[in-house]
Amino acid sequence: MALRKIALEGEECLTRVCRPVTDFNSRLHTLLDDMADTLAESGGVGLAAPQVGILRRVCVVLDEDDQLIELVNPEIIRTEGEQTGLEGCLSVPGKYGVVTRPEVVRVRAQDRDGEWFEVEDEGLTARCFCHEIEHLDGHLFVEHTDRLMEGEELQKWLEEHADEYEIEGDEE
């Protein structure tokens, strides 16, 4: 496996719509393995293929039990409720914003061998599903927030809101 370079905000690959995966082969398996390694090294909770320069509909998400979920050609098929919380992105390092997402999200996707499955989760994992799938359509979380916070401003916000929001580390 190999670590891949994570693209940063402003790079063209983050603004492009990704193409569906049609070949479920060793190249896809290598991409998924590399993305898992890159995610583990980064300390994030999700990573989409365009973040490593690959314009394919592929992402990986760590659920709240630290289980890796591989999503190929994912689509959100159901949402329920609403949650508001702090969100960050490996492609926008050190900056966070308050974003509202669905509380529960159900996704239909294919696995690395092309088999269709559905997965549903809530909370941070639901947020992550939405965040990563948006990457596949060329969007970043910054489009959902009024302002980005970092440094002292972020620290002050965290102290003031620690009881209100689920605060996670470098959330993807």
C-alpha atoms as a PDB file:
ATOM      1  CA  MET A   1       0.000   0.000   0.000  1.00  0.00           C
ATOM      2  CA  ALA A   2       1.031   3.595  -0.418  1.00  0.00           C
ATOM      3  CA  LEU A   3       0.206   6.957   0.994  1.00  0.00           C
ATOM      4  CA  ARG A   4      -1.294   9.405  -1.480  1.00  0.00           C
ATOM      5  CA  LYS A   5      -0.908  13.179  -1.479  1.00  0.00           C
ATOM      6  CA  ILE A   6      -4.072  14.936  -0.324  1.00  0.00           C
ATOM      7  CA  ALA A   7      -5.197  17.744  -2.639  1.00  0.00           C
ATOM      8  CA  LEU A   8      -5.804  21.122  -1.038  1.00  0.00           C
ATOM      9  CA  GLU A   9      -8.596  23.636  -1.549  1.00  0.00           C
ATOM     10  CA  GLY A  10      -8.007  25.466  -4.814  1.00  0.00           C
ATOM     11  CA  GLU A  11      -6.777  22.410  -6.708  1.00  0.00           C
ATOM     12  CA  GLU A  12      -8.917  21.665  -9.767  1.00  0.00           C
ATOM     13  CA  CYS A  13      -9.513  17.997  -8.897  1.00  0.00           C
ATOM     14  CA  LEU A  14     -11.648  19.108  -5.934  1.00  0.00           C
ATOM     15  CA  THR A  15     -14.094  21.018  -8.158  1.00  0.00           C
ATOM     16  CA  ARG A  16     -14.745  18.349 -10.783  1.00  0.00           C
ATOM     17  CA  VAL A  17     -17.625  15.864 -10.978  1.00  0.00           C
ATOM     18  CA  CYS A  18     -16.265  12.320 -10.728  1.00  0.00           C
ATOM     19  CA  ARG A  19     -17.023   9.531 -13.183  1.00  0.00           C
ATOM     20  CA  PRO A  20     -18.641   6.273 -12.073  1.00  0.00           C
ATOM     21  CA  VAL A  21     -16.451   3.221 -11.537  1.00  0.00           C
ATOM     22  CA  THR A  22     -17.088   0.583 -14.209  1.00  0.00           C
ATOM     23  CA  ASP A  23     -14.043  -1.675 -13.754  1.00  0.00           C
ATOM     24  CA  PHE A  24     -13.853  -3.529 -10.462  1.00  0.00           C
ATOM     25  CA  ASN A  25     -10.265  -4.652 -10.780  1.00  0.00           C
ATOM     26  CA  SER A  26      -6.882  -4.578  -9.058  1.00  0.00           C
ATOM     27  CA  ARG A  27      -6.431  -0.867  -9.816  1.00  0.00           C
ATOM     28  CA  LEU A  28      -9.611  -0.090  -7.865  1.00  0.00           C
ATOM     29  CA  HIS A  29      -8.485  -2.375  -5.035  1.00  0.00           C
ATOM     30  CA  THR A  30      -5.110  -0.589  -4.897  1.00  0.00           C
ATOM     31  CA  LEU A  31      -6.853   2.805  -4.834  1.00  0.00           C
ATOM     32  CA  LEU A  32      -9.123   1.703  -1.965  1.00  0.00           C
ATOM     33  CA  ASP A  33      -6.187   0.250  -0.022  1.00  0.00           C
ATOM     34  CA  ASP A  34      -4.102   3.394  -0.564  1.00  0.00           C
ATOM     35  CA  MET A  35      -7.025   5.598   0.475  1.00  0.00           C
ATOM     36  CA  ALA A  36      -7.453   3.558   3.672  1.00  0.00           C
ATOM     37  CA  ASP A  37      -3.748   3.958   4.467  1.00  0.00           C
ATOM     38  CA  THR A  38      -3.824   7.673   3.651  1.00  0.00           C
ATOM     39  CA  LEU A  39      -6.894   8.169   5.834  1.00  0.00           C
ATOM     40  CA  ALA A  40      -5.314   6.279   8.740  1.00  0.00           C
ATOM     41  CA  GLU A  41      -2.120   8.342   8.454  1.00  0.00           C
ATOM     42  CA  SER A  42      -4.068  11.634   8.293  1.00  0.00           C
ATOM     43  CA  GLY A  43      -6.187  11.054  11.376  1.00  0.00           C
ATOM     44  CA  GLY A  44      -9.358  11.962   9.463  1.00  0.00           C
ATOM     45  CA  VAL A  45     -12.649  10.089   9.349  1.00  0.00           C
ATOM     46  CA  GLY A  46     -13.312  10.103   5.608  1.00  0.00           C
ATOM     47  CA  LEU A  47     -11.557  10.495   2.279  1.00  0.00           C
ATOM     48  CA  ALA A  48     -12.852  10.756  -1.283  1.00  0.00           C
ATOM     49  CA  ALA A  49     -10.959   9.801  -4.434  1.00  0.00           C
ATOM     50  CA  PRO A  50     -10.795  13.373  -5.822  1.00  0.00           C
ATOM     51  CA  GLN A  51      -8.925  14.341  -2.653  1.00  0.00           C
ATOM     52  CA  VAL A  52      -6.099  12.116  -3.872  1.00  0.00           C
ATOM     53  CA  GLY A  53      -6.420  13.317  -7.476  1.00  0.00           C
ATOM     54  CA  ILE A  54      -8.571  10.462  -8.819  1.00  0.00           C
ATOM     55  CA  LEU A  55     -11.820  11.566 -10.477  1.00  0.00           C
ATOM     56  CA  ARG A  56     -13.807   8.415  -9.733  1.00  0.00           C
ATOM     57  CA  ARG A  57     -16.869   7.925  -7.511  1.00  0.00           C
ATOM     58  CA  VAL A  58     -15.043   6.269  -4.610  1.00  0.00           C
ATOM     59  CA  CYS A  59     -14.789   7.186  -0.937  1.00  0.00           C
ATOM     60  CA  VAL A  60     -13.911   5.611   2.383  1.00  0.00           C
ATOM     61  CA  VAL A  61     -15.483   6.433   5.743  1.00  0.00           C
ATOM     62  CA  LEU A  62     -14.573   5.385   9.265  1.00  0.00           C
ATOM     63  CA  ASP A  63     -17.727   4.771  11.271  1.00  0.00           C
ATOM     64  CA  GLU A  64     -17.954   5.545  14.972  1.00  0.00           C
ATOM     65  CA  ASP A  65     -16.745   2.005  15.768  1.00  0.00           C
ATOM     66  CA  ASP A  66     -13.600   2.670  13.655  1.00  0.00           C
ATOM     67  CA  GLN A  67     -14.783   0.234  10.981  1.00  0.00           C
ATOM     68  CA  LEU A  68     -13.789   1.257   7.454  1.00  0.00           C
ATOM     69  CA  ILE A  69     -16.675   1.480   4.974  1.00  0.00           C
ATOM     70  CA  GLU A  70     -15.693   1.443   1.300  1.00  0.00           C
ATOM     71  CA  LEU A  71     -18.228   3.152  -0.960  1.00  0.00           C
ATOM     72  CA  VAL A  72     -17.996   2.788  -4.732  1.00  0.00           C
ATOM     73  CA  ASN A  73     -20.539   4.696  -6.835  1.00  0.00           C
ATOM     74  CA  PRO A  74     -22.403   5.787  -3.684  1.00  0.00           C
ATOM     75  CA  GLU A  75     -25.709   7.590  -3.661  1.00  0.00           C
ATOM     76  CA  ILE A  76     -27.722   8.874  -0.740  1.00  0.00           C
ATOM     77  CA  ILE A  77     -31.140   7.241  -0.912  1.00  0.00           C
ATOM     78  CA  ARG A  78     -32.691   8.457   2.346  1.00  0.00           C
ATOM     79  CA  THR A  79     -32.128  11.088   5.000  1.00  0.00           C
ATOM     80  CA  GLU A  80     -33.895  11.877   8.234  1.00  0.00           C
ATOM     81  CA  GLY A  81     -33.666  14.619  10.834  1.00  0.00           C
ATOM     82  CA  GLU A  82     -31.039  17.283  11.239  1.00  0.00           C
ATOM     83  CA  GLN A  83     -27.796  17.824  13.122  1.00  0.00           C
ATOM     84  CA  THR A  84     -25.586  20.877  13.342  1.00  0.00           C
ATOM     85  CA  GLY A  85     -21.940  20.632  14.255  1.00  0.00           C
ATOM     86  CA  LEU A  86     -18.371  21.527  13.590  1.00  0.00           C
ATOM     87  CA  GLU A  87     -16.941  20.154  10.364  1.00  0.00           C
ATOM     88  CA  GLY A  88     -13.486  20.150   8.851  1.00  0.00           C
ATOM     89  CA  CYS A  89     -11.773  18.607   5.851  1.00  0.00           C
ATOM     90  CA  LEU A  90      -8.379  17.131   5.093  1.00  0.00           C
ATOM     91  CA  SER A  91      -8.321  19.304   1.960  1.00  0.00           C
ATOM     92  CA  VAL A  92      -8.913  22.462   4.045  1.00  0.00           C
ATOM     93  CA  PRO A  93      -6.453  21.779   6.889  1.00  0.00           C
ATOM     94  CA  GLY A  94      -6.838  23.546  10.199  1.00  0.00           C
ATOM     95  CA  LYS A  95     -10.075  25.313   9.278  1.00  0.00           C
ATOM     96  CA  TYR A  96     -13.516  24.404  10.571  1.00  0.00           C
ATOM     97  CA  GLY A  97     -17.072  25.617  10.116  1.00  0.00           C
ATOM     98  CA  VAL A  98     -20.504  24.951  11.562  1.00  0.00           C
ATOM     99  CA  VAL A  99     -22.544  22.862   9.101  1.00  0.00           C
ATOM    100  CA  THR A 100     -26.057  21.407   9.238  1.00  0.00           C
ATOM    101  CA  ARG A 101     -26.477  17.875   7.840  1.00  0.00           C
ATOM    102  CA  PRO A 102     -29.088  15.095   8.152  1.00  0.00           C
ATOM    103  CA  GLU A 103     -29.017  13.124  11.421  1.00  0.00           C
ATOM    104  CA  VAL A 104     -29.586   9.775   9.660  1.00  0.00           C
ATOM    105  CA  VAL A 105     -28.325   8.891   6.179  1.00  0.00           C
ATOM    106  CA  ARG A 106     -28.855   5.735   4.117  1.00  0.00           C
ATOM    107  CA  VAL A 107     -26.430   5.104   1.248  1.00  0.00           C
ATOM    108  CA  ARG A 108     -26.602   2.635  -1.636  1.00  0.00           C
ATOM    109  CA  ALA A 109     -23.176   1.751  -3.035  1.00  0.00           C
ATOM    110  CA  GLN A 110     -21.039  -0.996  -4.498  1.00  0.00           C
ATOM    111  CA  ASP A 111     -18.201  -2.747  -2.747  1.00  0.00           C
ATOM    112  CA  ARG A 112     -14.725  -3.276  -4.209  1.00  0.00           C
ATOM    113  CA  ASP A 113     -16.017  -6.293  -6.171  1.00  0.00           C
ATOM    114  CA  GLY A 114     -19.045  -4.509  -7.637  1.00  0.00           C
ATOM    115  CA  GLU A 115     -21.697  -5.987  -5.326  1.00  0.00           C
ATOM    116  CA  TRP A 116     -24.465  -3.564  -4.358  1.00  0.00           C
ATOM    117  CA  PHE A 117     -25.232  -2.965  -0.675  1.00  0.00           C
ATOM    118  CA  GLU A 118     -26.925  -0.414   1.548  1.00  0.00           C
ATOM    119  CA  VAL A 119     -25.625   1.104   4.758  1.00  0.00           C
ATOM    120  CA  GLU A 120     -27.357   3.442   7.176  1.00  0.00           C
ATOM    121  CA  ASP A 121     -25.908   5.364  10.073  1.00  0.00           C
ATOM    122  CA  GLU A 122     -26.416   8.440  12.183  1.00  0.00           C
ATOM    123  CA  GLY A 123     -24.429  11.193  13.846  1.00  0.00           C
ATOM    124  CA  LEU A 124     -20.831  11.642  12.785  1.00  0.00           C
ATOM    125  CA  THR A 125     -20.947   8.771  10.286  1.00  0.00           C
ATOM    126  CA  ALA A 126     -24.062  10.221   8.603  1.00  0.00           C
ATOM    127  CA  ARG A 127     -22.306  13.591   8.420  1.00  0.00           C
ATOM    128  CA  CYS A 128     -19.280  11.910   6.899  1.00  0.00           C
ATOM    129  CA  PHE A 129     -21.364  10.103   4.251  1.00  0.00           C
ATOM    130  CA  CYS A 130     -22.778  13.459   3.109  1.00  0.00           C
ATOM    131  CA  HIS A 131     -19.405  15.198   3.208  1.00  0.00           C
ATOM    132  CA  GLU A 132     -17.564  12.540   1.199  1.00  0.00           C
ATOM    133  CA  ILE A 133     -20.295  12.045  -1.400  1.00  0.00           C
ATOM    134  CA  GLU A 134     -20.344  15.822  -1.968  1.00  0.00           C
ATOM    135  CA  HIS A 135     -16.633  15.615  -2.826  1.00  0.00           C
ATOM    136  CA  LEU A 136     -17.587  13.279  -5.691  1.00  0.00           C
ATOM    137  CA  ASP A 137     -19.693  16.075  -7.176  1.00  0.00           C
ATOM    138  CA  GLY A 138     -16.963  18.697  -6.838  1.00  0.00           C
ATOM    139  CA  HIS A 139     -18.165  20.366  -3.641  1.00  0.00           C
ATOM    140  CA  LEU A 140     -16.463  21.210  -0.341  1.00  0.00           C
ATOM    141  CA  PHE A 141     -18.012  21.708   3.101  1.00  0.00           C
ATOM    142  CA  VAL A 142     -16.981  25.383   2.987  1.00  0.00           C
ATOM    143  CA  GLU A 143     -20.010  25.971   0.737  1.00  0.00           C
ATOM    144  CA  HIS A 144     -22.269  25.179   3.740  1.00  0.00           C
ATOM    145  CA  THR A 145     -20.769  27.484   6.345  1.00  0.00           C
ATOM    146  CA  ASP A 146     -20.922  31.234   6.896  1.00  0.00           C
ATOM    147  CA  ARG A 147     -17.337  31.433   8.097  1.00  0.00           C
ATOM    148  CA  LEU A 148     -14.288  29.307   8.666  1.00  0.00           C
ATOM    149  CA  MET A 149     -12.597  29.290  12.042  1.00  0.00           C
ATOM    150  CA  GLU A 150      -9.041  28.430  12.996  1.00  0.00           C
ATOM    151  CA  GLY A 151      -6.534  29.110  15.750  1.00  0.00           C
ATOM    152  CA  GLU A 152      -7.724  31.166  18.700  1.00  0.00           C
ATOM    153  CA  GLU A 153     -11.187  31.759  17.232  1.00  0.00           C
ATOM    154  CA  LEU A 154     -11.706  28.007  16.842  1.00  0.00           C
ATOM    155  CA  GLN A 155     -10.428  27.315  20.346  1.00  0.00           C
ATOM    156  CA  LYS A 156     -12.801  29.919  21.818  1.00  0.00           C
ATOM    157  CA  TRP A 157     -15.744  28.453  19.870  1.00  0.00           C
ATOM    158  CA  LEU A 158     -14.884  24.932  21.063  1.00  0.00           C
ATOM    159  CA  GLU A 159     -14.821  26.072  24.683  1.00  0.00           C
ATOM    160  CA  GLU A 160     -18.140  27.909  24.330  1.00  0.00           C
ATOM    161  CA  HIS A 161     -19.961  25.086  22.518  1.00  0.00           C
ATOM    162  CA  ALA A 162     -18.428  21.879  23.852  1.00  0.00           C
ATOM    163  CA  ASP A 163     -21.699  20.857  25.518  1.00  0.00           C
ATOM    164  CA  GLU A 164     -23.915  21.680  22.507  1.00  0.00           C
ATOM    165  CA  TYR A 165     -22.177  19.881  19.667  1.00  0.00           C
ATOM    166  CA  GLU A 166     -20.457  16.604  19.096  1.00  0.00           C
ATOM    167  CA  ILE A 167     -16.884  17.757  18.660  1.00  0.00           C
ATOM    168  CA  GLU A 168     -14.548  15.459  16.748  1.00  0.00           C
ATOM    169  CA  GLY A 169     -10.938  15.811  15.690  1.00  0.00           C
ATOM    170  CA  ASP A 170      -9.912  16.496  12.107  1.00  0.00           C
ATOM    171  CA  GLU A 171     -13.281  15.581  10.712  1.00  0.00           C
ATOM    172  CA  GLU A 172     -13.625  14.908   7.039  1.00  0.00           C
END
